[in-house]
């Protein structure tokens, strides 16, 4: 990997930040990931589903699709590994790479290491680094160390997201079911899913599972790749290497120009050799080496030998300024590092501890001693007060606690059996009775009586027998057997009015009630007498 071409900011991150980096990469290169995923995954799904259909084992087909996920995981890993260190590859290049890239390390991920919870991090190690044998095992262990718990949580979270997405796809069907038929549809769907489901239902379930896996799996691989990059950045200091490379790129051109400028300056300022007589007349000057050695060792200045004229025999050094500059340089902590270490040492038990003396507060020393004693033994005082309070109130809370520890007591009671109440017979003139109840202010009773009569007449016209306690939805389904459409519409209107009054407490107005009774009177008014068939009214 060429670290200098990286397209993201590599720095030590927390594991959660590293996972978010991987998710951000997926969002940025979504098209480059999901287009080849669909082009390769769709034929795989069709082949596996056709095999399960032919063998009548679509459950095994779903298990096989889950098992071969590492094969499809190479697609987002290939795209992200190239996009981080350059441009994202196109879908043609990605599909062509799947034919020859990563098959040898993939054998372990499809067999004995398929159920490894750390697959998100070990997959980049196997496919990107190209190492084998004991070195590969050591590499996996080093990279997983320290982030194993986060990788385990990542695997669990992605499994939960897949399950939630699968359940959401299944429940999406019920959004298009009318409210009146929702309970029956849910019951039918449960029966269809649990009691010998047909193959087309199993195929739809496998398709929903494949869609859920296809949505979540690239994020799982990308989060593991983000953890892999972060772990290598921590171990190999990629951020420092990138900083040094950028610093070198800035310094090298400037350094070359500076070297050329210094060379020209040295050539122009070269000293002209003086005659031998003049050199002899110049008195030797005390150099920094001589002065430094004399000051450090305390010896006579004449003992040390000047070394600077030996190197630069024609140079005359201003000893004061030069020595000050050297002293300033040696004062740099990088050249003369010093540090102070502070540690705890055991106190000598033989040395008596000096007793603290309290200052004179004008006779208030007793108050200070009292406050310090309370502060020192306050928790013990609180504990003593609490124990005393519990002991004094034991008569109140001890029976209650003892009854709670004893557990619930079973009481054998006789079960009483009573005869079911028989509903009152319907009146002979139903519309007149309903109007009388409405005028008396008993609107709910009037609507209940009207609904009972309508249900009785509907059952007679439909030629059906209602079970005791039939719901409004069941009555609506039976009303479809009536031959006339006007009868079916009229019965549906009275059911709606009754449901609003019974469950939402929304009573119709007088005009709406009269119009409803005028429609239902000629159709369901003459019902005769007998028990009501619906348990929802009354």
Protein backbone atom coordinates (compact mmCIF):
# COMPACT_ATOMS: atom_id res chain seq x y z
CA UNK A 1 0.00 0.00 0.00
CA UNK A 2 1.23 3.46 -0.88
CA UNK A 3 0.51 5.50 2.21
CA UNK A 4 1.34 8.79 0.49
CA UNK A 5 -1.65 8.38 -1.88
CA UNK A 6 -4.27 7.90 0.84
CA UNK A 7 -7.54 9.78 0.22
CA UNK A 8 -8.76 9.93 3.83
CA UNK A 9 -7.30 11.47 6.95
CA UNK A 10 -5.45 8.70 8.74
CA UNK A 11 -5.11 9.37 12.46
CA UNK A 12 -5.61 7.28 15.60
CA UNK A 13 -9.36 7.05 16.21
CA UNK A 14 -11.58 5.30 18.70
CA UNK A 15 -13.10 2.04 17.39
CA UNK A 16 -16.53 3.64 17.03
CA UNK A 17 -15.06 6.51 14.98
CA UNK A 18 -13.27 3.96 12.80
CA UNK A 19 -16.56 2.17 12.11
CA UNK A 20 -18.19 5.46 11.21
CA UNK A 21 -15.31 6.14 8.79
CA UNK A 22 -16.11 2.86 7.02
CA UNK A 23 -19.81 3.75 6.82
CA UNK A 24 -18.94 7.16 5.38
CA UNK A 25 -16.85 5.45 2.70
CA UNK A 26 -19.83 3.25 1.78
CA UNK A 27 -22.10 6.28 1.43
CA UNK A 28 -19.52 8.03 -0.72
CA UNK A 29 -18.93 5.07 -3.06
CA UNK A 30 -22.43 3.58 -2.95
CA UNK A 31 -22.80 3.18 -6.72
CA UNK A 32 -19.37 1.55 -7.10
CA UNK A 33 -20.34 -1.02 -4.43
CA UNK A 34 -23.98 -1.91 -5.04
CA UNK A 35 -23.92 -2.03 -8.85
CA UNK A 36 -21.41 -4.94 -8.99
CA UNK A 37 -23.08 -6.43 -5.89
CA UNK A 38 -26.38 -6.66 -7.79
CA UNK A 39 -24.76 -7.82 -11.03
CA UNK A 40 -22.98 -10.66 -9.23
CA UNK A 41 -25.39 -11.35 -6.39
CA UNK A 42 -28.56 -11.57 -8.48
CA UNK A 43 -27.35 -14.51 -10.63
CA UNK A 44 -26.12 -16.22 -7.47
CA UNK A 45 -29.52 -15.77 -5.85
CA UNK A 46 -31.34 -17.08 -8.92
CA UNK A 47 -29.08 -20.15 -9.10
CA UNK A 48 -29.41 -20.96 -5.39
CA UNK A 49 -33.18 -20.36 -5.40
CA UNK A 50 -33.62 -22.54 -8.49
CA UNK A 51 -31.63 -25.31 -6.83
CA UNK A 52 -33.75 -25.08 -3.67
CA UNK A 53 -36.96 -24.98 -5.74
CA UNK A 54 -36.02 -28.08 -7.69
CA UNK A 55 -35.14 -29.98 -4.50
CA UNK A 56 -38.11 -28.50 -2.57
CA UNK A 57 -35.63 -27.30 0.06
CA UNK A 58 -35.85 -23.51 -0.02
CA UNK A 59 -34.81 -23.40 3.64
CA UNK A 60 -31.47 -24.90 2.65
CA UNK A 61 -31.27 -22.30 -0.12
CA UNK A 62 -31.60 -19.51 2.46
CA UNK A 63 -28.92 -21.14 4.61
CA UNK A 64 -26.63 -21.43 1.58
CA UNK A 65 -27.09 -17.75 0.73
CA UNK A 66 -26.08 -16.82 4.27
CA UNK A 67 -23.10 -19.17 4.18
CA UNK A 68 -21.55 -17.79 0.97
CA UNK A 69 -21.67 -14.16 2.14
CA UNK A 70 -17.81 -13.95 2.30
CA UNK A 71 -17.75 -14.46 -1.49
CA UNK A 72 -19.85 -11.33 -2.00
CA UNK A 73 -18.02 -9.47 0.79
CA UNK A 74 -15.00 -9.22 -1.50
CA UNK A 75 -16.87 -6.67 -3.66
CA UNK A 76 -17.15 -3.83 -1.08
CA UNK A 77 -13.70 -4.69 0.28
CA UNK A 78 -12.14 -4.46 -3.20
CA UNK A 79 -13.85 -1.14 -3.93
CA UNK A 80 -12.97 0.47 -0.59
CA UNK A 81 -9.36 -0.74 -0.55
CA UNK A 82 -8.81 0.87 -3.96
CA UNK A 83 -10.85 4.00 -3.22
CA UNK A 84 -8.89 4.79 -0.03
CA UNK A 85 -5.54 4.74 -1.86
CA UNK A 86 -6.74 6.18 -5.17
CA UNK A 87 -9.88 6.32 -7.26
CA UNK A 88 -12.79 3.93 -6.85
CA UNK A 89 -12.78 1.21 -9.54
CA UNK A 90 -15.63 0.85 -12.01
CA UNK A 91 -18.07 -2.04 -11.94
CA UNK A 92 -16.36 -3.78 -14.87
CA UNK A 93 -12.99 -3.74 -13.13
CA UNK A 94 -14.58 -4.90 -9.88
CA UNK A 95 -16.36 -7.84 -11.49
CA UNK A 96 -13.24 -8.83 -13.45
CA UNK A 97 -11.19 -8.82 -10.23
CA UNK A 98 -13.59 -11.24 -8.52
CA UNK A 99 -12.56 -14.03 -10.91
CA UNK A 100 -8.95 -14.11 -9.75
CA UNK A 101 -8.71 -12.13 -6.50
CA UNK A 102 -8.81 -13.59 -3.02
CA UNK A 103 -9.93 -17.18 -3.66
CA UNK A 104 -7.13 -18.92 -1.76
CA UNK A 105 -7.63 -17.06 1.57
CA UNK A 106 -11.40 -17.36 1.10
CA UNK A 107 -11.29 -21.12 1.67
CA UNK A 108 -10.91 -20.66 5.42
CA UNK A 109 -13.72 -18.10 5.57
CA UNK A 110 -16.09 -20.58 3.90
CA UNK A 111 -15.17 -23.56 6.12
CA UNK A 112 -13.70 -23.65 9.61
CA UNK A 113 -13.63 -19.86 10.16
CA UNK A 114 -17.06 -19.09 8.68
CA UNK A 115 -18.68 -18.53 12.08
CA UNK A 116 -15.83 -16.39 13.43
CA UNK A 117 -17.22 -13.21 15.05
CA UNK A 118 -14.06 -11.31 14.03
CA UNK A 119 -14.45 -11.93 10.28
CA UNK A 120 -14.94 -8.21 9.57
CA UNK A 121 -11.30 -7.49 10.56
CA UNK A 122 -9.60 -10.74 9.56
CA UNK A 123 -11.01 -10.63 6.01
CA UNK A 124 -8.94 -7.52 5.04
CA UNK A 125 -5.84 -9.15 6.55
CA UNK A 126 -6.30 -12.29 4.44
CA UNK A 127 -7.24 -10.58 1.16
CA UNK A 128 -5.10 -7.41 1.20
CA UNK A 129 -1.77 -8.24 2.84
CA UNK A 130 -0.83 -11.40 0.90
CA UNK A 131 0.90 -13.27 3.72
CA UNK A 132 0.55 -16.95 4.63
CA UNK A 133 1.41 -19.48 7.31
CA UNK A 134 2.33 -18.64 10.92
CA UNK A 135 2.95 -15.02 10.00
CA UNK A 136 -0.69 -14.67 8.95
CA UNK A 137 -1.94 -16.12 12.25
CA UNK A 138 0.32 -13.76 14.20
CA UNK A 139 -0.92 -10.85 12.09
CA UNK A 140 -4.57 -11.67 12.75
CA UNK A 141 -3.98 -11.96 16.49
CA UNK A 142 -2.12 -8.63 16.66
CA UNK A 143 -4.79 -6.74 14.72
CA UNK A 144 -7.73 -8.21 16.61
CA UNK A 145 -6.10 -7.64 20.01
CA UNK A 146 -7.64 -4.61 21.67
CA UNK A 147 -10.69 -4.35 19.36
CA UNK A 148 -12.11 -7.88 19.66
CA UNK A 149 -15.03 -6.71 21.77
CA UNK A 150 -15.94 -3.94 19.31
CA UNK A 151 -15.82 -6.37 16.37
CA UNK A 152 -18.07 -8.77 18.27
CA UNK A 153 -20.57 -5.96 18.92
CA UNK A 154 -20.37 -4.95 15.26
CA UNK A 155 -21.29 -8.49 14.19
CA UNK A 156 -24.20 -8.64 16.63
CA UNK A 157 -25.53 -5.21 15.60
CA UNK A 158 -25.41 -6.08 11.89
CA UNK A 159 -27.26 -9.35 12.56
CA UNK A 160 -29.95 -7.42 14.44
CA UNK A 161 -30.24 -4.87 11.63
CA UNK A 162 -30.65 -7.70 9.13
CA UNK A 163 -33.40 -9.27 11.23
CA UNK A 164 -35.19 -5.92 11.67
CA UNK A 165 -35.02 -5.20 7.94
CA UNK A 166 -36.31 -8.68 7.11
CA UNK A 167 -39.21 -8.27 9.53
CA UNK A 168 -39.94 -4.81 8.11
CA UNK A 169 -40.17 -6.22 4.59
CA UNK A 170 -42.59 -8.89 5.77
CA UNK A 171 -44.75 -6.40 7.69
CA UNK A 172 -44.78 -4.03 4.72
CA UNK A 173 -47.44 -6.24 3.15
CA UNK A 174 -49.92 -5.44 5.92
CA UNK A 175 -49.78 -1.71 5.11
CA UNK A 176 -51.89 -2.42 2.03
CA UNK A 177 -54.52 -4.46 3.91
CA UNK A 178 -57.76 -2.62 4.87
CA UNK A 179 -58.33 -2.10 8.55
CA UNK A 180 -61.49 -4.22 8.52
CA UNK A 181 -59.53 -7.22 7.24
CA UNK A 182 -56.30 -6.67 9.16
CA UNK A 183 -56.89 -9.21 11.92
CA UNK A 184 -58.02 -11.89 9.50
CA UNK A 185 -55.07 -11.20 7.20
CA UNK A 186 -52.60 -11.46 10.09
CA UNK A 187 -54.17 -14.75 11.17
CA UNK A 188 -54.03 -16.07 7.60
CA UNK A 189 -50.41 -14.95 7.19
CA UNK A 190 -49.42 -16.69 10.42
CA UNK A 191 -51.16 -19.87 9.30
CA UNK A 192 -49.50 -19.59 5.90
CA UNK A 193 -46.04 -19.18 7.44
CA UNK A 194 -46.30 -21.90 10.11
CA UNK A 195 -48.49 -24.65 8.66
CA UNK A 196 -46.90 -26.13 5.53
CA UNK A 197 -46.23 -22.87 3.63
CA UNK A 198 -46.30 -23.20 -0.17
CA UNK A 199 -43.12 -22.90 -2.17
CA UNK A 200 -43.97 -19.47 -3.55
CA UNK A 201 -44.24 -18.13 0.03
CA UNK A 202 -40.89 -19.71 0.91
CA UNK A 203 -39.34 -18.17 -2.21
CA UNK A 204 -40.60 -14.71 -1.22
CA UNK A 205 -39.12 -15.20 2.24
CA UNK A 206 -35.74 -16.13 0.73
CA UNK A 207 -35.93 -13.06 -1.54
CA UNK A 208 -36.63 -10.79 1.45
CA UNK A 209 -33.67 -12.33 3.28
CA UNK A 210 -31.39 -11.73 0.29
CA UNK A 211 -32.49 -8.09 0.07
CA UNK A 212 -31.89 -7.52 3.80
CA UNK A 213 -28.41 -9.08 3.58
CA UNK A 214 -27.58 -7.03 0.48
CA UNK A 215 -28.42 -3.78 2.26
CA UNK A 216 -26.60 -4.43 5.55
CA UNK A 217 -23.57 -6.48 4.48
CA UNK A 218 -21.58 -3.67 2.71
CA UNK A 219 -21.81 -1.57 5.88
CA UNK A 220 -20.59 -4.55 7.93
CA UNK A 221 -17.56 -5.03 5.65
CA UNK A 222 -16.84 -1.29 5.55
CA UNK A 223 -16.96 -0.94 9.34
CA UNK A 224 -14.50 -3.83 9.66
CA UNK A 225 -12.26 -2.20 7.04
CA UNK A 226 -12.35 1.05 9.03
CA UNK A 227 -11.25 -0.83 12.16
CA UNK A 228 -8.49 -2.49 10.11
CA UNK A 229 -7.18 0.88 8.86
CA UNK A 230 -7.33 2.38 12.34
CA UNK A 231 -5.49 -0.58 13.87
CA UNK A 232 -2.69 -0.38 11.28
CA UNK A 233 -2.46 3.36 11.82
CA UNK A 234 -1.94 2.77 15.54
CA UNK A 235 0.59 -0.03 15.08
CA UNK A 236 2.60 1.33 12.14
CA UNK A 237 2.18 5.10 12.73
CA UNK A 238 0.84 5.78 9.27
CA UNK A 239 -0.16 9.29 10.29
CA UNK A 240 3.43 10.13 11.22
CA UNK A 241 4.75 8.62 8.01
CA UNK A 242 2.34 10.69 5.95
CA UNK A 243 3.32 13.85 7.86
CA UNK A 244 7.05 13.19 7.29
CA UNK A 245 6.46 12.52 3.60
CA UNK A 246 4.57 15.78 3.20
CA UNK A 247 7.28 17.62 5.14
CA UNK A 248 9.95 16.13 2.90
CA UNK A 249 8.00 17.15 -0.20
CA UNK A 250 7.97 20.74 1.04
CA UNK A 251 11.59 20.85 2.27
CA UNK A 252 13.49 19.14 -0.58
CA UNK A 253 12.95 21.87 -3.24
CA UNK A 254 13.66 24.63 -0.72
CA UNK A 255 16.73 22.77 0.60
CA UNK A 256 18.25 22.44 -2.87
CA UNK A 257 17.87 26.15 -3.52
CA UNK A 258 19.34 27.00 -0.10
CA UNK A 259 22.36 24.76 -0.69
CA UNK A 260 23.08 26.44 -4.03
CA UNK A 261 22.79 29.87 -2.41
CA UNK A 262 25.21 28.92 0.39
CA UNK A 263 27.73 27.54 -2.07
CA UNK A 264 27.70 30.80 -4.03
CA UNK A 265 28.12 32.78 -0.82
CA UNK A 266 31.11 30.71 0.29
CA UNK A 267 32.82 31.16 -3.07
CA UNK A 268 32.37 34.94 -3.01
CA UNK A 269 33.46 35.38 0.63
CA UNK A 270 36.59 33.19 0.59
CA UNK A 271 39.46 34.98 2.53
CA UNK A 272 42.65 36.08 0.74
CA UNK A 273 45.83 34.44 2.22
CA UNK A 274 47.98 36.98 4.14
CA UNK A 275 51.81 37.12 3.99
CA UNK A 276 53.74 34.93 6.38
CA UNK A 277 55.12 37.91 8.29
CA UNK A 278 51.65 39.28 8.96
CA UNK A 279 50.45 35.90 10.18
CA UNK A 280 53.38 35.70 12.56
CA UNK A 281 52.56 39.14 14.04
CA UNK A 282 49.03 38.15 14.94
CA UNK A 283 48.74 36.92 18.50
CA UNK A 284 46.92 33.62 18.95
CA UNK A 285 43.41 34.04 20.27
CA UNK A 286 41.84 31.92 23.01
CA UNK A 287 39.29 29.70 21.38
CA UNK A 288 35.97 28.29 22.63
CA UNK A 289 37.46 24.84 23.02
CA UNK A 290 40.21 26.16 25.23
CA UNK A 291 37.85 28.33 27.24
CA UNK A 292 35.19 25.65 27.61
CA UNK A 293 37.66 23.00 28.79
CA UNK A 294 39.29 25.39 31.22
CA UNK A 295 35.96 26.45 32.69
CA UNK A 296 34.62 22.89 33.02
CA UNK A 297 37.75 21.30 34.50
CA UNK A 298 38.99 24.24 36.59
CA UNK A 299 42.54 23.89 35.18
CA UNK A 300 44.75 26.67 33.96
CA UNK A 301 43.84 28.14 30.58
CA UNK A 302 47.31 27.42 29.26
CA UNK A 303 47.02 23.68 29.76
CA UNK A 304 44.28 23.16 27.12
CA UNK A 305 45.30 23.31 23.50
CA UNK A 306 43.34 25.47 21.07
CA UNK A 307 41.78 23.24 18.41
CA UNK A 308 39.92 25.79 16.33
CA UNK A 309 43.04 27.34 14.72
CA UNK A 310 44.19 23.83 13.93
CA UNK A 311 41.13 23.38 11.73
CA UNK A 312 40.70 26.96 10.54
CA UNK A 313 44.23 28.25 10.82
CA UNK A 314 43.40 31.64 9.29
CA UNK A 315 40.15 32.24 11.26
CA UNK A 316 39.98 34.57 14.20
CA UNK A 317 37.04 33.79 16.48
CA UNK A 318 35.28 36.29 18.67
CA UNK A 319 35.38 34.16 21.77
CA UNK A 320 32.64 36.03 23.68
CA UNK A 321 29.83 35.84 21.12
CA UNK A 322 30.77 32.33 20.03
CA UNK A 323 30.82 31.00 23.59
CA UNK A 324 27.43 32.61 24.32
CA UNK A 325 25.92 31.02 21.24
CA UNK A 326 27.26 27.60 22.20
CA UNK A 327 25.98 27.96 25.76
CA UNK A 328 22.55 28.87 24.39
CA UNK A 329 22.59 25.81 22.16
CA UNK A 330 23.56 23.51 25.03
CA UNK A 331 20.77 24.98 27.13
CA UNK A 332 18.26 23.45 24.70
CA UNK A 333 16.47 20.58 26.52
CA UNK A 334 16.78 18.43 23.39
CA UNK A 335 20.60 18.51 23.71
CA UNK A 336 20.76 18.38 27.50
CA UNK A 337 17.60 16.53 28.52
CA UNK A 338 16.72 16.65 32.18
CA UNK A 339 13.61 15.48 33.93
CA UNK A 340 12.34 15.37 37.47
CA UNK A 341 10.73 12.20 38.74
CA UNK A 342 8.44 12.31 41.75
CA UNK A 343 7.57 9.13 43.60
CA UNK A 344 6.05 7.96 46.85
CA UNK A 345 8.30 6.60 49.56
CA UNK A 346 7.32 4.80 52.70
CA UNK A 347 7.41 6.99 55.73
CA UNK A 348 9.87 6.00 58.41
CA UNK A 349 7.74 4.43 61.20
CA UNK A 350 10.38 5.34 63.78
CA UNK A 351 9.93 9.03 63.08
CA UNK A 352 7.06 10.37 65.15
CA UNK A 353 4.39 12.21 63.25
CA UNK A 354 4.24 15.86 64.23
CA UNK A 355 0.94 16.68 65.83
CA UNK A 356 -1.03 19.40 64.19
CA UNK A 357 -1.58 22.41 66.35
CA UNK A 358 -4.76 24.38 66.04
CA UNK A 359 -4.55 28.15 65.91
CA UNK A 360 -6.19 30.12 68.63
CA UNK A 361 -9.73 31.12 67.62
CA UNK A 362 -10.64 32.90 70.78
CA UNK A 363 -12.01 30.00 72.83
CA UNK A 364 -13.75 28.22 69.91
CA UNK A 365 -11.33 25.33 69.70
CA UNK A 366 -13.91 23.00 71.25
CA UNK A 367 -16.29 23.74 68.37
CA UNK A 368 -13.60 22.97 65.80
CA UNK A 369 -12.77 19.69 67.56
CA UNK A 370 -16.48 18.79 67.59
CA UNK A 371 -16.91 19.49 63.88
CA UNK A 372 -13.80 17.50 62.99
CA UNK A 373 -15.02 14.55 65.07
CA UNK A 374 -18.41 14.63 63.33
CA UNK A 375 -16.70 14.76 59.92
CA UNK A 376 -14.46 11.82 60.84
CA UNK A 377 -17.14 9.59 62.35
CA UNK A 378 -20.20 10.98 60.51
CA UNK A 379 -20.84 7.89 58.39
CA UNK A 380 -20.80 5.68 61.45
CA UNK A 381 -23.26 8.00 63.14
CA UNK A 382 -25.57 7.89 60.10
CA UNK A 383 -25.36 4.10 60.04
CA UNK A 384 -26.21 3.91 63.74
CA UNK A 385 -29.22 6.23 63.29
CA UNK A 386 -30.43 4.14 60.34
CA UNK A 387 -30.16 0.88 62.28
CA UNK A 388 -31.99 2.41 65.22
CA UNK A 389 -34.79 3.68 62.95
CA UNK A 390 -35.20 0.24 61.38
CA UNK A 391 -35.32 -1.41 64.78
CA UNK A 392 -37.98 1.00 66.07
CA UNK A 393 -40.21 0.61 63.00
CA UNK A 394 -39.79 -3.16 62.62
CA UNK A 395 -43.43 -3.76 63.53
CA UNK A 396 -44.54 -1.94 60.40
CA UNK A 397 -42.23 -3.26 57.71
CA UNK A 398 -41.29 -6.74 58.94
CA UNK A 399 -44.73 -8.38 58.37
CA UNK A 400 -44.89 -6.89 54.89
CA UNK A 401 -41.39 -8.17 54.01
CA UNK A 402 -42.10 -11.60 55.46
CA UNK A 403 -45.28 -11.85 53.40
CA UNK A 404 -43.35 -10.87 50.29
CA UNK A 405 -40.66 -13.49 50.89
CA UNK A 406 -43.25 -16.17 51.51
CA UNK A 407 -44.56 -15.95 47.94
CA UNK A 408 -48.11 -15.95 46.61
CA UNK A 409 -50.60 -18.15 48.42
CA UNK A 410 -52.90 -20.25 46.30
CA UNK A 411 -56.49 -20.15 47.36
CA UNK A 412 -58.80 -22.94 46.30
CA UNK A 413 -62.05 -21.32 45.37
CA UNK A 414 -65.08 -22.89 43.85
CA UNK A 415 -65.82 -21.82 40.33
CA UNK A 416 -69.37 -20.68 39.98
CA UNK A 417 -71.33 -21.63 36.88
CA UNK A 418 -74.24 -19.50 35.76
CA UNK A 419 -76.49 -19.69 32.77
CA UNK A 420 -75.79 -17.33 29.90
CA UNK A 421 -78.20 -14.44 29.64
CA UNK A 422 -80.59 -14.79 26.74
CA UNK A 423 -80.94 -11.53 24.76
CA UNK A 424 -84.34 -9.94 24.62
CA UNK A 425 -86.37 -10.58 21.46
CA UNK A 426 -86.54 -7.85 18.87
CA UNK A 427 -89.71 -5.75 18.70
CA UNK A 428 -92.21 -6.34 15.90
CA UNK A 429 -92.00 -2.72 14.68
CA UNK A 430 -88.29 -2.10 14.81
CA UNK A 431 -88.17 1.44 13.30
CA UNK A 432 -90.79 2.74 15.74
CA UNK A 433 -88.95 1.31 18.74
CA UNK A 434 -85.66 2.75 17.54
CA UNK A 435 -87.19 6.22 17.05
CA UNK A 436 -88.71 6.11 20.55
CA UNK A 437 -85.36 5.33 22.14
CA UNK A 438 -83.68 8.10 20.16
CA UNK A 439 -86.25 10.71 21.26
CA UNK A 440 -85.89 9.63 24.89
CA UNK A 441 -82.18 10.53 24.75
CA UNK A 442 -80.94 6.91 24.69
CA UNK A 443 -79.05 7.28 21.42
CA UNK A 444 -76.60 4.42 22.03
CA UNK A 445 -79.39 2.00 22.92
CA UNK A 446 -81.23 3.05 19.78
CA UNK A 447 -78.20 2.39 17.58
CA UNK A 448 -77.57 -0.95 19.32
CA UNK A 449 -81.15 -2.06 18.67
CA UNK A 450 -80.95 -0.93 15.05
CA UNK A 451 -77.68 -2.83 14.58
CA UNK A 452 -79.14 -6.01 16.13
CA UNK A 453 -82.16 -5.88 13.86
CA UNK A 454 -80.02 -5.23 10.80
CA UNK A 455 -77.74 -8.17 11.64
CA UNK A 456 -80.74 -10.48 12.14
CA UNK A 457 -82.32 -9.44 8.84
CA UNK A 458 -78.98 -9.68 7.00
CA UNK A 459 -78.41 -13.23 8.23
CA UNK A 460 -81.90 -14.22 7.09
CA UNK A 461 -81.42 -12.72 3.61
CA UNK A 462 -77.91 -14.18 3.22
CA UNK A 463 -79.07 -17.60 4.36
CA UNK A 464 -76.29 -17.88 6.95
CA UNK A 465 -76.14 -18.78 10.62
CA UNK A 466 -74.10 -16.46 12.79
CA UNK A 467 -71.92 -17.89 15.55
CA UNK A 468 -72.37 -16.41 19.05
CA UNK A 469 -70.22 -13.35 19.55
CA UNK A 470 -69.66 -12.66 15.84
CA UNK A 471 -67.70 -9.47 15.26
CA UNK A 472 -68.55 -6.63 12.91
CA UNK A 473 -65.91 -7.78 10.42
CA UNK A 474 -67.40 -11.28 10.30
CA UNK A 475 -70.87 -9.84 9.77
CA UNK A 476 -69.57 -7.71 6.90
CA UNK A 477 -68.04 -10.76 5.22
CA UNK A 478 -71.32 -12.70 5.53
CA UNK A 479 -73.30 -9.72 4.16
CA UNK A 480 -71.51 -10.15 0.84
CA UNK A 481 -73.70 -13.17 0.21
CA UNK A 482 -76.82 -10.99 -0.15
CA UNK A 483 -77.80 -10.84 -3.81
CA UNK A 484 -78.69 -7.12 -3.99
CA UNK A 485 -75.92 -4.53 -3.92
CA UNK A 486 -78.22 -1.95 -2.26
CA UNK A 487 -78.73 -4.28 0.69
CA UNK A 488 -75.00 -4.78 1.07
CA UNK A 489 -74.34 -1.00 0.98
CA UNK A 490 -77.09 -0.30 3.50
CA UNK A 491 -75.77 -2.90 5.93
CA UNK A 492 -72.21 -1.56 5.59
CA UNK A 493 -73.49 1.95 6.46
CA UNK A 494 -75.17 0.81 9.68
CA UNK A 495 -72.02 -1.12 10.69
CA UNK A 496 -69.91 2.01 10.26
CA UNK A 497 -72.32 4.15 12.28
CA UNK A 498 -72.42 1.54 15.06
CA UNK A 499 -68.61 1.21 15.22
CA UNK A 500 -68.17 4.97 15.54
CA UNK A 501 -70.73 5.10 18.34
CA UNK A 502 -69.54 2.00 20.21
CA UNK A 503 -65.76 2.47 20.03
CA UNK A 504 -65.16 6.16 19.25
CA UNK A 505 -68.25 7.60 21.00
CA UNK A 506 -69.15 9.57 17.90
CA UNK A 507 -72.95 9.65 17.65
CA UNK A 508 -74.63 10.73 14.42
CA UNK A 509 -76.76 13.85 14.23
CA UNK A 510 -80.54 13.81 14.11
CA UNK A 511 -80.63 14.39 10.37
CA UNK A 512 -78.06 11.65 9.72
CA UNK A 513 -79.95 9.26 12.01
CA UNK A 514 -83.26 9.92 10.27
CA UNK A 515 -81.71 9.41 6.85
CA UNK A 516 -80.11 6.14 8.00
CA UNK A 517 -83.40 4.89 9.46
CA UNK A 518 -85.30 5.83 6.30
CA UNK A 519 -82.87 3.69 4.27
CA UNK A 520 -82.83 0.74 6.66
CA UNK A 521 -86.51 0.77 7.59
CA UNK A 522 -87.87 -0.64 4.33
CA UNK A 523 -85.02 -3.13 4.05
CA UNK A 524 -84.35 -4.41 7.56
CA UNK A 525 -87.33 -3.05 9.48
CA UNK A 526 -89.54 -6.16 9.54
CA UNK A 527 -87.27 -8.64 11.26
CA UNK A 528 -89.62 -10.59 13.44
CA UNK A 529 -88.50 -11.69 16.87
CA UNK A 530 -85.61 -13.82 17.95
CA UNK A 531 -82.14 -13.61 19.48
CA UNK A 532 -79.56 -11.21 18.10
CA UNK A 533 -76.76 -12.82 16.21
CA UNK A 534 -73.95 -10.37 16.96
CA UNK A 535 -72.15 -10.19 20.23
CA UNK A 536 -70.77 -6.71 19.59
CA UNK A 537 -74.15 -4.93 20.08
CA UNK A 538 -76.14 -4.57 23.23
